[in-house]
Amino acid sequence: MSQIKEKKKRARRSPEKMAELVLEAERVGQGVVCRRENIAPAQMSRWKQKFLQAGIAGLKEG
């Protein structure tokens, strides 16, 4: 019998939540937040770059 793997649903985070996670990562460390929230470090880095360039408005853009 073959096992069918269930596809994981992606968590949709609001721009405000993304900003909160970026700021928390600055305080406690990116690795800690990424592991806890199941976020790839590269994703966190992209959020951080957008947040630093344009604030929460930068995170609202796709």
PDB file of N, CA and C in Angstrom:
ATOM      1  N   MET A   1       0.835  -1.187   0.000  1.00  0.00           N
ATOM      2  CA  MET A   1       0.000   0.000   0.000  1.00  0.00           C
ATOM      3  C   MET A   1       0.876   1.245   0.000  1.00  0.00           C
ATOM      4  N   SER A   2       0.508   2.181  -0.825  1.00  0.00           N
ATOM      5  CA  SER A   2       1.269   3.430  -0.843  1.00  0.00           C
ATOM      6  C   SER A   2       0.603   4.440   0.096  1.00  0.00           C
ATOM      7  N   GLN A   3       1.427   5.195   0.724  1.00  0.00           N
ATOM      8  CA  GLN A   3       0.909   6.212   1.629  1.00  0.00           C
ATOM      9  C   GLN A   3       0.813   7.533   0.899  1.00  0.00           C
ATOM     10  N   ILE A   4      -0.291   8.196   1.047  1.00  0.00           N
ATOM     11  CA  ILE A   4      -0.468   9.501   0.421  1.00  0.00           C
ATOM     12  C   ILE A   4      -0.117  10.562   1.454  1.00  0.00           C
ATOM     13  N   LYS A   5       0.844  11.408   1.080  1.00  0.00           N
ATOM     14  CA  LYS A   5       1.246  12.469   1.998  1.00  0.00           C
ATOM     15  C   LYS A   5       0.280  13.631   1.874  1.00  0.00           C
ATOM     16  N   GLU A   6      -0.118  14.112   3.006  1.00  0.00           N
ATOM     17  CA  GLU A   6      -1.028  15.246   3.018  1.00  0.00           C
ATOM     18  C   GLU A   6      -0.231  16.530   2.797  1.00  0.00           C
ATOM     19  N   LYS A   7      -0.735  17.371   1.911  1.00  0.00           N
ATOM     20  CA  LYS A   7      -0.039  18.616   1.611  1.00  0.00           C
ATOM     21  C   LYS A   7      -0.261  19.601   2.758  1.00  0.00           C
ATOM     22  N   LYS A   8       0.833  20.237   3.190  1.00  0.00           N
ATOM     23  CA  LYS A   8       0.732  21.211   4.280  1.00  0.00           C
ATOM     24  C   LYS A   8       0.081  22.481   3.775  1.00  0.00           C
ATOM     25  N   LYS A   9      -0.762  23.047   4.608  1.00  0.00           N
ATOM     26  CA  LYS A   9      -1.352  24.335   4.276  1.00  0.00           C
ATOM     27  C   LYS A   9      -0.390  25.430   4.692  1.00  0.00           C
ATOM     28  N   ARG A  10      -0.251  26.426   3.835  1.00  0.00           N
ATOM     29  CA  ARG A  10       0.606  27.559   4.159  1.00  0.00           C
ATOM     30  C   ARG A  10      -0.129  28.491   5.099  1.00  0.00           C
ATOM     31  N   ALA A  11       0.588  28.983   6.055  1.00  0.00           N
ATOM     32  CA  ALA A  11       0.005  29.952   6.990  1.00  0.00           C
ATOM     33  C   ALA A  11       0.015  31.320   6.324  1.00  0.00           C
ATOM     34  N   ARG A  12      -1.118  31.983   6.323  1.00  0.00           N
ATOM     35  CA  ARG A  12      -1.195  33.338   5.801  1.00  0.00           C
ATOM     36  C   ARG A  12      -1.041  34.282   6.977  1.00  0.00           C
ATOM     37  N   ARG A  13      -0.005  35.089   6.932  1.00  0.00           N
ATOM     38  CA  ARG A  13       0.257  36.020   8.021  1.00  0.00           C
ATOM     39  C   ARG A  13      -0.021  37.438   7.552  1.00  0.00           C
ATOM     40  N   SER A  14      -0.617  38.217   8.414  1.00  0.00           N
ATOM     41  CA  SER A  14      -0.883  39.610   8.082  1.00  0.00           C
ATOM     42  C   SER A  14       0.438  40.379   8.056  1.00  0.00           C
ATOM     43  N   PRO A  15       0.468  41.501   7.353  1.00  0.00           N
ATOM     44  CA  PRO A  15       1.685  42.325   7.346  1.00  0.00           C
ATOM     45  C   PRO A  15       2.096  42.742   8.761  1.00  0.00           C
ATOM     46  N   GLU A  16       1.122  42.978   9.621  1.00  0.00           N
ATOM     47  CA  GLU A  16       1.417  43.350  11.002  1.00  0.00           C
ATOM     48  C   GLU A  16       2.101  42.211  11.741  1.00  0.00           C
ATOM     49  N   LYS A  17       1.637  40.975  11.508  1.00  0.00           N
ATOM     50  CA  LYS A  17       2.245  39.803  12.148  1.00  0.00           C
ATOM     51  C   LYS A  17       3.664  39.590  11.618  1.00  0.00           C
ATOM     52  N   MET A  18       3.862  39.789  10.310  1.00  0.00           N
ATOM     53  CA  MET A  18       5.200  39.642   9.739  1.00  0.00           C
ATOM     54  C   MET A  18       6.160  40.651  10.368  1.00  0.00           C
ATOM     55  N   ALA A  19       5.694  41.888  10.518  1.00  0.00           N
ATOM     56  CA  ALA A  19       6.537  42.928  11.127  1.00  0.00           C
ATOM     57  C   ALA A  19       6.870  42.561  12.565  1.00  0.00           C
ATOM     58  N   GLU A  20       5.887  42.041  13.289  1.00  0.00           N
ATOM     59  CA  GLU A  20       6.101  41.619  14.677  1.00  0.00           C
ATOM     60  C   GLU A  20       7.161  40.523  14.745  1.00  0.00           C
ATOM     61  N   LEU A  21       7.097  39.566  13.825  1.00  0.00           N
ATOM     62  CA  LEU A  21       8.072  38.477  13.811  1.00  0.00           C
ATOM     63  C   LEU A  21       9.463  38.977  13.450  1.00  0.00           C
ATOM     64  N   VAL A  22       9.543  39.925  12.512  1.00  0.00           N
ATOM     65  CA  VAL A  22      10.847  40.501  12.138  1.00  0.00           C
ATOM     66  C   VAL A  22      11.476  41.188  13.344  1.00  0.00           C
ATOM     67  N   LEU A  23      10.687  41.978  14.058  1.00  0.00           N
ATOM     68  CA  LEU A  23      11.213  42.685  15.227  1.00  0.00           C
ATOM     69  C   LEU A  23      11.612  41.712  16.335  1.00  0.00           C
ATOM     70  N   GLU A  24      10.813  40.667  16.521  1.00  0.00           N
ATOM     71  CA  GLU A  24      11.151  39.665  17.528  1.00  0.00           C
ATOM     72  C   GLU A  24      12.446  38.940  17.150  1.00  0.00           C
ATOM     73  N   ALA A  25      12.619  38.665  15.867  1.00  0.00           N
ATOM     74  CA  ALA A  25      13.838  37.996  15.404  1.00  0.00           C
ATOM     75  C   ALA A  25      15.068  38.847  15.690  1.00  0.00           C
ATOM     76  N   GLU A  26      14.915  40.163  15.622  1.00  0.00           N
ATOM     77  CA  GLU A  26      16.025  41.057  15.956  1.00  0.00           C
ATOM     78  C   GLU A  26      16.379  40.965  17.438  1.00  0.00           C
ATOM     79  N   ARG A  27      15.367  40.777  18.279  1.00  0.00           N
ATOM     80  CA  ARG A  27      15.596  40.707  19.729  1.00  0.00           C
ATOM     81  C   ARG A  27      16.150  39.360  20.182  1.00  0.00           C
ATOM     82  N   VAL A  28      15.508  38.273  19.741  1.00  0.00           N
ATOM     83  CA  VAL A  28      15.862  36.956  20.290  1.00  0.00           C
ATOM     84  C   VAL A  28      16.651  36.073  19.335  1.00  0.00           C
ATOM     85  N   GLY A  29      16.762  36.481  18.089  1.00  0.00           N
ATOM     86  CA  GLY A  29      17.502  35.697  17.106  1.00  0.00           C
ATOM     87  C   GLY A  29      16.596  35.120  16.038  1.00  0.00           C
ATOM     88  N   GLN A  30      17.055  35.224  14.810  1.00  0.00           N
ATOM     89  CA  GLN A  30      16.255  34.771  13.673  1.00  0.00           C
ATOM     90  C   GLN A  30      15.993  33.271  13.731  1.00  0.00           C
ATOM     91  N   GLY A  31      17.001  32.495  14.095  1.00  0.00           N
ATOM     92  CA  GLY A  31      16.839  31.041  14.131  1.00  0.00           C
ATOM     93  C   GLY A  31      15.755  30.590  15.090  1.00  0.00           C
ATOM     94  N   VAL A  32      15.686  31.246  16.231  1.00  0.00           N
ATOM     95  CA  VAL A  32      14.683  30.893  17.246  1.00  0.00           C
ATOM     96  C   VAL A  32      13.274  31.105  16.695  1.00  0.00           C
ATOM     97  N   VAL A  33      13.056  32.273  16.104  1.00  0.00           N
ATOM     98  CA  VAL A  33      11.731  32.607  15.585  1.00  0.00           C
ATOM     99  C   VAL A  33      11.377  31.726  14.391  1.00  0.00           C
ATOM    100  N   CYS A  34      12.336  31.506  13.504  1.00  0.00           N
ATOM    101  CA  CYS A  34      12.077  30.683  12.325  1.00  0.00           C
ATOM    102  C   CYS A  34      11.694  29.256  12.699  1.00  0.00           C
ATOM    103  N   ARG A  35      12.412  28.683  13.652  1.00  0.00           N
ATOM    104  CA  ARG A  35      12.076  27.312  14.084  1.00  0.00           C
ATOM    105  C   ARG A  35      10.693  27.268  14.720  1.00  0.00           C
ATOM    106  N   ARG A  36      10.410  28.208  15.593  1.00  0.00           N
ATOM    107  CA  ARG A  36       9.126  28.209  16.298  1.00  0.00           C
ATOM    108  C   ARG A  36       7.947  28.401  15.340  1.00  0.00           C
ATOM    109  N   GLU A  37       8.116  29.288  14.362  1.00  0.00           N
ATOM    110  CA  GLU A  37       7.023  29.618  13.440  1.00  0.00           C
ATOM    111  C   GLU A  37       7.045  28.787  12.156  1.00  0.00           C
ATOM    112  N   ASN A  38       8.047  27.911  12.036  1.00  0.00           N
ATOM    113  CA  ASN A  38       8.196  27.073  10.845  1.00  0.00           C
ATOM    114  C   ASN A  38       8.319  27.925   9.577  1.00  0.00           C
ATOM    115  N   ILE A  39       9.225  28.900   9.645  1.00  0.00           N
ATOM    116  CA  ILE A  39       9.493  29.815   8.536  1.00  0.00           C
ATOM    117  C   ILE A  39      10.925  29.580   8.064  1.00  0.00           C
ATOM    118  N   ALA A  40      11.113  29.546   6.761  1.00  0.00           N
ATOM    119  CA  ALA A  40      12.471  29.412   6.214  1.00  0.00           C
ATOM    120  C   ALA A  40      13.251  30.692   6.526  1.00  0.00           C
ATOM    121  N   PRO A  41      14.512  30.568   6.935  1.00  0.00           N
ATOM    122  CA  PRO A  41      15.320  31.756   7.214  1.00  0.00           C
ATOM    123  C   PRO A  41      15.376  32.733   6.029  1.00  0.00           C
ATOM    124  N   ALA A  42      15.384  32.207   4.814  1.00  0.00           N
ATOM    125  CA  ALA A  42      15.401  33.082   3.632  1.00  0.00           C
ATOM    126  C   ALA A  42      14.122  33.917   3.559  1.00  0.00           C
ATOM    127  N   GLN A  43      12.994  33.319   3.949  1.00  0.00           N
ATOM    128  CA  GLN A  43      11.725  34.060   3.956  1.00  0.00           C
ATOM    129  C   GLN A  43      11.778  35.189   4.977  1.00  0.00           C
ATOM    130  N   MET A  44      12.307  34.887   6.146  1.00  0.00           N
ATOM    131  CA  MET A  44      12.423  35.916   7.186  1.00  0.00           C
ATOM    132  C   MET A  44      13.322  37.052   6.704  1.00  0.00           C
ATOM    133  N   SER A  45      14.394  36.707   6.007  1.00  0.00           N
ATOM    134  CA  SER A  45      15.296  37.727   5.479  1.00  0.00           C
ATOM    135  C   SER A  45      14.597  38.619   4.459  1.00  0.00           C
ATOM    136  N   ARG A  46      13.746  38.031   3.614  1.00  0.00           N
ATOM    137  CA  ARG A  46      12.995  38.842   2.641  1.00  0.00           C
ATOM    138  C   ARG A  46      12.029  39.775   3.353  1.00  0.00           C
ATOM    139  N   TRP A  47      11.341  39.264   4.376  1.00  0.00           N
ATOM    140  CA  TRP A  47      10.418  40.115   5.145  1.00  0.00           C
ATOM    141  C   TRP A  47      11.181  41.266   5.794  1.00  0.00           C
ATOM    142  N   LYS A  48      12.341  40.952   6.352  1.00  0.00           N
ATOM    143  CA  LYS A  48      13.136  41.977   7.031  1.00  0.00           C
ATOM    144  C   LYS A  48      13.566  43.066   6.050  1.00  0.00           C
ATOM    145  N   GLN A  49      14.026  42.659   4.874  1.00  0.00           N
ATOM    146  CA  GLN A  49      14.460  43.626   3.868  1.00  0.00           C
ATOM    147  C   GLN A  49      13.294  44.535   3.463  1.00  0.00           C
ATOM    148  N   LYS A  50      12.132  43.953   3.205  1.00  0.00           N
ATOM    149  CA  LYS A  50      10.963  44.749   2.820  1.00  0.00           C
ATOM    150  C   LYS A  50      10.542  45.677   3.952  1.00  0.00           C
ATOM    151  N   PHE A  51      10.590  45.172   5.183  1.00  0.00           N
ATOM    152  CA  PHE A  51      10.192  45.962   6.342  1.00  0.00           C
ATOM    153  C   PHE A  51      11.137  47.147   6.539  1.00  0.00           C
ATOM    154  N   LEU A  52      12.424  46.918   6.388  1.00  0.00           N
ATOM    155  CA  LEU A  52      13.393  48.001   6.570  1.00  0.00           C
ATOM    156  C   LEU A  52      13.284  49.056   5.476  1.00  0.00           C
ATOM    157  N   GLN A  53      12.920  48.637   4.269  1.00  0.00           N
ATOM    158  CA  GLN A  53      12.823  49.579   3.157  1.00  0.00           C
ATOM    159  C   GLN A  53      11.544  50.407   3.223  1.00  0.00           C
ATOM    160  N   ALA A  54      10.418  49.776   3.587  1.00  0.00           N
ATOM    161  CA  ALA A  54       9.136  50.483   3.466  1.00  0.00           C
ATOM    162  C   ALA A  54       8.191  50.271   4.651  1.00  0.00           C
ATOM    163  N   GLY A  55       8.664  49.703   5.719  1.00  0.00           N
ATOM    164  CA  GLY A  55       7.796  49.481   6.872  1.00  0.00           C
ATOM    165  C   GLY A  55       6.726  48.448   6.576  1.00  0.00           C
ATOM    166  N   ILE A  56       5.623  48.528   7.300  1.00  0.00           N
ATOM    167  CA  ILE A  56       4.537  47.554   7.138  1.00  0.00           C
ATOM    168  C   ILE A  56       3.969  47.623   5.716  1.00  0.00           C
ATOM    169  N   ALA A  57       3.974  48.815   5.120  1.00  0.00           N
ATOM    170  CA  ALA A  57       3.463  48.958   3.754  1.00  0.00           C
ATOM    171  C   ALA A  57       4.248  48.080   2.773  1.00  0.00           C
ATOM    172  N   GLY A  58       5.541  47.912   3.013  1.00  0.00           N
ATOM    173  CA  GLY A  58       6.363  47.049   2.172  1.00  0.00           C
ATOM    174  C   GLY A  58       5.985  45.588   2.270  1.00  0.00           C
ATOM    175  N   LEU A  59       5.476  45.193   3.416  1.00  0.00           N
ATOM    176  CA  LEU A  59       5.069  43.802   3.621  1.00  0.00           C
ATOM    177  C   LEU A  59       3.701  43.526   3.011  1.00  0.00           C
ATOM    178  N   LYS A  60       2.927  44.567   2.759  1.00  0.00           N
ATOM    179  CA  LYS A  60       1.596  44.392   2.164  1.00  0.00           C
ATOM    180  C   LYS A  60       1.682  44.059   0.685  1.00  0.00           C
ATOM    181  N   GLU A  61       2.781  44.456   0.051  1.00  0.00           N
ATOM    182  CA  GLU A  61       2.966  44.161  -1.367  1.00  0.00           C
ATOM    183  C   GLU A  61       3.395  42.716  -1.525  1.00  0.00           C
ATOM    184  N   GLY A  62       2.778  42.018  -2.475  1.00  0.00           N
ATOM    185  CA  GLY A  62       3.034  40.618  -2.755  1.00  0.00           C
ATOM    186  C   GLY A  62       4.395  40.208  -2.523  1.00  0.00           C
TER     187      GLY A  62
END
